[in-house]
């Protein structure tokens, strides 16, 4: 998926609460929302494992601290064109960075 299409959805969830972001992604009618929902779920699970908290998303106020989309590599394909020519098709990819943080400071830190 191209970075431009992914940015349309990422801009909707940047800086939001994780629960709100999940609900926005669930009702967004774009393919990027499905990919971002999986990525956000993975980011929340990684945060829980890193903080040694089980079910931490209920106890803490998690939000999306950073969300950015960078262009990835481009795969080139060719389509046949008239008079023996070929049209170049660029299949664009992207890299999404999501950082999940806690608004409420932990007591031990």
N, C-alpha and C. Protein backbone atom coordinates (compact mmCIF):
# COMPACT_ATOMS: atom_id res chain seq x y z
N UNK A 1 0.85 -1.18 0.00
CA UNK A 1 0.00 0.00 0.00
C UNK A 1 0.89 1.24 0.00
N UNK A 2 0.48 2.24 -0.70
CA UNK A 2 1.29 3.44 -0.80
C UNK A 2 1.25 4.23 0.51
N UNK A 3 2.32 4.96 0.81
CA UNK A 3 2.36 5.75 2.04
C UNK A 3 1.26 6.82 2.09
N UNK A 4 0.90 7.33 0.94
CA UNK A 4 -0.12 8.39 0.91
C UNK A 4 -1.47 7.86 1.39
N UNK A 5 -1.84 6.66 0.98
CA UNK A 5 -3.10 6.06 1.41
C UNK A 5 -3.07 5.72 2.89
N UNK A 6 -1.91 5.25 3.37
CA UNK A 6 -1.80 4.90 4.78
C UNK A 6 -1.84 6.13 5.67
N UNK A 7 -1.25 7.24 5.21
CA UNK A 7 -1.25 8.47 6.01
C UNK A 7 -2.65 9.02 6.26
N UNK A 8 -3.57 8.80 5.31
CA UNK A 8 -4.94 9.27 5.50
C UNK A 8 -5.57 8.68 6.75
N UNK A 9 -5.28 7.43 7.04
CA UNK A 9 -5.85 6.77 8.21
C UNK A 9 -5.02 7.07 9.46
N UNK A 10 -3.70 7.12 9.32
CA UNK A 10 -2.83 7.38 10.48
C UNK A 10 -3.10 8.76 11.05
N UNK A 11 -3.40 9.72 10.21
CA UNK A 11 -3.68 11.08 10.69
C UNK A 11 -4.92 11.12 11.57
N UNK A 12 -5.84 10.17 11.38
CA UNK A 12 -7.06 10.14 12.20
C UNK A 12 -6.81 9.64 13.62
N UNK A 13 -5.78 8.81 13.83
CA UNK A 13 -5.58 8.21 15.15
C UNK A 13 -4.40 8.79 15.91
N UNK A 14 -3.62 9.64 15.29
CA UNK A 14 -2.43 10.19 15.95
C UNK A 14 -2.82 11.01 17.18
N UNK A 15 -2.19 10.69 18.33
CA UNK A 15 -2.42 11.42 19.57
C UNK A 15 -3.67 11.00 20.32
N UNK A 16 -4.39 10.02 19.84
CA UNK A 16 -5.64 9.60 20.47
C UNK A 16 -5.40 8.53 21.51
N UNK A 17 -6.41 8.33 22.35
CA UNK A 17 -6.41 7.23 23.30
C UNK A 17 -6.49 5.92 22.51
N UNK A 18 -5.90 4.85 23.04
CA UNK A 18 -5.85 3.58 22.32
C UNK A 18 -7.25 3.03 22.10
N UNK A 19 -8.13 3.15 23.08
CA UNK A 19 -9.49 2.65 22.95
C UNK A 19 -10.23 3.42 21.86
N UNK A 20 -10.06 4.73 21.83
CA UNK A 20 -10.68 5.54 20.78
C UNK A 20 -10.12 5.19 19.41
N UNK A 21 -8.80 4.95 19.35
CA UNK A 21 -8.17 4.61 18.08
C UNK A 21 -8.71 3.29 17.53
N UNK A 22 -8.91 2.30 18.41
CA UNK A 22 -9.47 1.03 17.95
C UNK A 22 -10.87 1.22 17.38
N UNK A 23 -11.68 2.05 18.03
CA UNK A 23 -13.03 2.26 17.52
C UNK A 23 -13.02 3.03 16.20
N UNK A 24 -12.11 3.98 16.05
CA UNK A 24 -11.99 4.71 14.78
C UNK A 24 -11.57 3.76 13.67
N UNK A 25 -10.59 2.90 13.95
CA UNK A 25 -10.10 1.98 12.93
C UNK A 25 -11.15 0.94 12.56
N UNK A 26 -11.97 0.55 13.52
CA UNK A 26 -12.98 -0.47 13.26
C UNK A 26 -14.01 0.03 12.25
N UNK A 27 -14.36 1.31 12.32
CA UNK A 27 -15.40 1.85 11.46
C UNK A 27 -14.86 2.68 10.29
N UNK A 28 -13.56 2.65 10.06
CA UNK A 28 -12.99 3.32 8.90
C UNK A 28 -13.05 2.38 7.71
N UNK A 29 -13.58 2.86 6.61
CA UNK A 29 -13.81 2.02 5.44
C UNK A 29 -12.63 2.11 4.47
N UNK A 30 -11.45 1.77 4.95
CA UNK A 30 -10.25 1.74 4.11
C UNK A 30 -9.44 0.51 4.48
N UNK A 31 -8.71 0.00 3.50
CA UNK A 31 -7.90 -1.19 3.75
C UNK A 31 -6.79 -0.91 4.76
N UNK A 32 -6.29 0.31 4.79
CA UNK A 32 -5.23 0.67 5.72
C UNK A 32 -5.67 0.51 7.16
N UNK A 33 -6.96 0.66 7.43
CA UNK A 33 -7.46 0.54 8.80
C UNK A 33 -7.28 -0.87 9.33
N UNK A 34 -7.43 -1.87 8.48
CA UNK A 34 -7.24 -3.26 8.90
C UNK A 34 -5.80 -3.50 9.28
N UNK A 35 -4.88 -3.02 8.46
CA UNK A 35 -3.45 -3.18 8.76
C UNK A 35 -3.06 -2.44 10.03
N UNK A 36 -3.57 -1.22 10.21
CA UNK A 36 -3.22 -0.43 11.38
C UNK A 36 -3.82 -1.00 12.65
N UNK A 37 -4.98 -1.62 12.55
CA UNK A 37 -5.59 -2.23 13.73
C UNK A 37 -4.71 -3.37 14.25
N UNK A 38 -4.18 -4.19 13.35
CA UNK A 38 -3.27 -5.25 13.74
C UNK A 38 -1.98 -4.69 14.34
N UNK A 39 -1.47 -3.63 13.73
CA UNK A 39 -0.24 -3.02 14.21
C UNK A 39 -0.42 -2.39 15.58
N UNK A 40 -1.55 -1.75 15.80
CA UNK A 40 -1.82 -1.12 17.09
C UNK A 40 -2.01 -2.17 18.18
N UNK A 41 -2.66 -3.28 17.85
CA UNK A 41 -2.83 -4.37 18.81
C UNK A 41 -1.47 -4.94 19.20
N UNK A 42 -0.59 -5.08 18.22
CA UNK A 42 0.76 -5.57 18.49
C UNK A 42 1.54 -4.58 19.37
N UNK A 43 1.40 -3.28 19.11
CA UNK A 43 2.10 -2.27 19.90
C UNK A 43 1.63 -2.27 21.34
N UNK A 44 0.32 -2.44 21.56
CA UNK A 44 -0.22 -2.48 22.92
C UNK A 44 0.28 -3.73 23.65
N UNK A 45 0.28 -4.87 22.96
CA UNK A 45 0.78 -6.09 23.58
C UNK A 45 2.26 -5.99 23.91
N UNK A 46 3.04 -5.37 23.03
CA UNK A 46 4.47 -5.17 23.30
C UNK A 46 4.66 -4.26 24.51
N UNK A 47 3.83 -3.23 24.64
CA UNK A 47 3.94 -2.33 25.79
C UNK A 47 3.62 -3.08 27.08
N UNK A 48 2.59 -3.94 27.03
CA UNK A 48 2.22 -4.71 28.22
C UNK A 48 3.35 -5.64 28.64
N UNK A 49 3.99 -6.30 27.69
CA UNK A 49 5.09 -7.20 28.02
C UNK A 49 6.29 -6.45 28.54
N UNK A 50 6.56 -5.29 27.98
CA UNK A 50 7.70 -4.50 28.42
C UNK A 50 7.48 -3.93 29.82
N UNK A 51 6.24 -3.56 30.12
CA UNK A 51 5.92 -2.99 31.43
C UNK A 51 5.58 -4.08 32.46
N UNK A 52 5.60 -5.35 32.03
CA UNK A 52 5.24 -6.47 32.91
C UNK A 52 3.86 -6.30 33.51
N UNK A 53 2.93 -5.87 32.70
CA UNK A 53 1.55 -5.69 33.14
C UNK A 53 0.66 -6.57 32.29
N UNK A 54 -0.20 -7.38 32.93
CA UNK A 54 -1.16 -8.15 32.16
C UNK A 54 -2.50 -7.42 32.21
N UNK A 55 -3.11 -7.21 31.06
CA UNK A 55 -4.35 -6.45 31.01
C UNK A 55 -4.12 -4.99 31.32
N UNK A 56 -2.95 -4.49 30.99
CA UNK A 56 -2.58 -3.12 31.36
C UNK A 56 -3.38 -2.08 30.60
N UNK A 57 -3.92 -2.45 29.46
CA UNK A 57 -4.66 -1.47 28.68
C UNK A 57 -5.92 -1.01 29.42
N UNK A 58 -6.44 -1.85 30.34
CA UNK A 58 -7.60 -1.46 31.13
C UNK A 58 -7.21 -0.55 32.29
N UNK A 59 -6.06 -0.80 32.88
CA UNK A 59 -5.65 -0.07 34.08
C UNK A 59 -4.99 1.27 33.77
N UNK A 60 -4.36 1.38 32.64
CA UNK A 60 -3.60 2.57 32.33
C UNK A 60 -4.23 3.32 31.16
N UNK A 61 -3.89 4.59 31.08
CA UNK A 61 -4.42 5.44 30.02
C UNK A 61 -3.40 5.48 28.89
N UNK A 62 -3.44 4.48 28.01
CA UNK A 62 -2.51 4.41 26.90
C UNK A 62 -2.97 5.30 25.76
N UNK A 63 -2.02 5.93 25.11
CA UNK A 63 -2.34 6.76 23.96
C UNK A 63 -1.25 6.58 22.91
N UNK A 64 -1.53 7.01 21.70
CA UNK A 64 -0.58 6.89 20.60
C UNK A 64 0.31 8.13 20.63
N UNK A 65 1.53 7.94 21.09
CA UNK A 65 2.46 9.05 21.26
C UNK A 65 3.01 9.51 19.90
N UNK A 66 3.43 8.56 19.10
CA UNK A 66 3.99 8.88 17.79
C UNK A 66 3.40 7.94 16.75
N UNK A 67 3.00 8.49 15.63
CA UNK A 67 2.52 7.68 14.50
C UNK A 67 3.00 8.35 13.23
N UNK A 68 3.86 7.66 12.50
CA UNK A 68 4.36 8.24 11.26
C UNK A 68 4.46 7.16 10.20
N UNK A 69 4.35 7.59 8.96
CA UNK A 69 4.42 6.70 7.81
C UNK A 69 5.53 7.19 6.91
N UNK A 70 6.49 6.30 6.64
CA UNK A 70 7.60 6.62 5.76
C UNK A 70 7.53 5.74 4.52
N UNK A 71 8.01 6.24 3.40
CA UNK A 71 7.98 5.40 2.20
C UNK A 71 8.98 4.25 2.32
N UNK A 72 8.59 3.11 1.80
CA UNK A 72 9.46 1.94 1.77
C UNK A 72 10.00 1.76 0.36
N UNK A 73 10.47 0.55 0.11
CA UNK A 73 11.01 0.27 -1.22
C UNK A 73 9.87 0.15 -2.23
N UNK A 74 10.21 0.31 -3.49
CA UNK A 74 9.23 0.26 -4.57
C UNK A 74 9.54 -0.96 -5.43
N UNK A 75 8.51 -1.76 -5.68
CA UNK A 75 8.65 -2.90 -6.59
C UNK A 75 8.16 -2.45 -7.96
N UNK A 76 8.97 -2.69 -8.98
CA UNK A 76 8.60 -2.29 -10.33
C UNK A 76 8.08 -3.49 -11.10
N UNK A 77 6.92 -3.32 -11.73
CA UNK A 77 6.33 -4.32 -12.60
C UNK A 77 6.10 -3.66 -13.96
N UNK A 78 5.94 -4.47 -14.99
CA UNK A 78 5.73 -3.94 -16.32
C UNK A 78 4.45 -4.49 -16.91
N UNK A 79 3.68 -3.62 -17.56
CA UNK A 79 2.48 -4.00 -18.28
C UNK A 79 2.73 -3.84 -19.77
N UNK A 80 2.22 -4.76 -20.56
CA UNK A 80 2.39 -4.59 -22.00
C UNK A 80 1.63 -3.38 -22.51
N UNK A 81 2.22 -2.69 -23.45
CA UNK A 81 1.63 -1.48 -24.02
C UNK A 81 1.64 -1.62 -25.55
N UNK A 82 0.94 -0.73 -26.21
CA UNK A 82 0.89 -0.83 -27.69
C UNK A 82 2.26 -0.64 -28.34
N UNK A 83 2.40 -1.21 -29.52
CA UNK A 83 3.59 -1.08 -30.36
C UNK A 83 4.85 -1.62 -29.68
N UNK A 84 4.70 -2.70 -28.92
CA UNK A 84 5.86 -3.37 -28.33
C UNK A 84 6.47 -2.66 -27.14
N UNK A 85 5.79 -1.69 -26.62
CA UNK A 85 6.32 -0.96 -25.47
C UNK A 85 5.85 -1.61 -24.18
N UNK A 86 6.34 -1.08 -23.06
CA UNK A 86 5.92 -1.57 -21.74
C UNK A 86 5.73 -0.38 -20.82
N UNK A 87 4.65 -0.41 -20.07
CA UNK A 87 4.40 0.62 -19.07
C UNK A 87 4.93 0.14 -17.73
N UNK A 88 5.59 1.03 -17.03
CA UNK A 88 6.12 0.69 -15.71
C UNK A 88 5.05 0.92 -14.65
N UNK A 89 4.83 -0.08 -13.80
CA UNK A 89 3.89 0.02 -12.68
C UNK A 89 4.71 0.01 -11.41
N UNK A 90 4.54 1.04 -10.61
CA UNK A 90 5.28 1.13 -9.35
C UNK A 90 4.39 0.66 -8.21
N UNK A 91 4.76 -0.43 -7.56
CA UNK A 91 4.02 -0.92 -6.39
C UNK A 91 4.73 -0.38 -5.17
N UNK A 92 4.11 0.59 -4.55
CA UNK A 92 4.75 1.28 -3.44
C UNK A 92 4.47 0.57 -2.13
N UNK A 93 5.43 0.66 -1.21
CA UNK A 93 5.27 0.10 0.13
C UNK A 93 5.60 1.17 1.15
N UNK A 94 5.30 0.88 2.42
CA UNK A 94 5.54 1.89 3.44
C UNK A 94 6.03 1.24 4.72
N UNK A 95 6.55 2.09 5.60
CA UNK A 95 6.97 1.69 6.94
C UNK A 95 6.18 2.55 7.93
N UNK A 96 5.46 1.90 8.82
CA UNK A 96 4.65 2.61 9.81
C UNK A 96 5.33 2.48 11.16
N UNK A 97 5.46 3.60 11.87
CA UNK A 97 6.02 3.61 13.21
C UNK A 97 4.94 4.07 14.18
N UNK A 98 4.60 3.21 15.14
CA UNK A 98 3.62 3.54 16.18
C UNK A 98 4.31 3.42 17.53
N UNK A 99 4.22 4.46 18.32
CA UNK A 99 4.75 4.43 19.68
C UNK A 99 3.59 4.65 20.63
N UNK A 100 3.39 3.68 21.54
CA UNK A 100 2.31 3.73 22.51
C UNK A 100 2.91 4.09 23.86
N UNK A 101 2.32 5.05 24.55
CA UNK A 101 2.84 5.48 25.85
C UNK A 101 1.68 5.60 26.83
N UNK A 102 2.04 5.79 28.09
CA UNK A 102 1.08 5.89 29.17
C UNK A 102 1.00 7.33 29.64
N UNK A 103 -0.19 7.87 29.69
CA UNK A 103 -0.35 9.26 30.18
C UNK A 103 -0.14 9.35 31.67
N UNK A 104 -0.57 8.32 32.41
CA UNK A 104 -0.42 8.29 33.86
C UNK A 104 0.93 7.68 34.19
N UNK A 105 1.74 8.41 34.95
CA UNK A 105 3.05 7.91 35.31
C UNK A 105 2.91 6.75 36.28
N UNK A 106 3.78 5.74 36.10
CA UNK A 106 3.77 4.60 37.00
C UNK A 106 4.34 5.02 38.36
N UNK A 107 3.89 4.36 39.44
CA UNK A 107 4.30 4.76 40.79
C UNK A 107 5.78 4.51 41.03
N UNK A 108 6.34 3.44 40.48
CA UNK A 108 7.73 3.10 40.75
C UNK A 108 8.71 3.87 39.90
N UNK A 109 8.27 4.68 38.97
CA UNK A 109 9.21 5.35 38.07
C UNK A 109 9.23 6.85 38.29
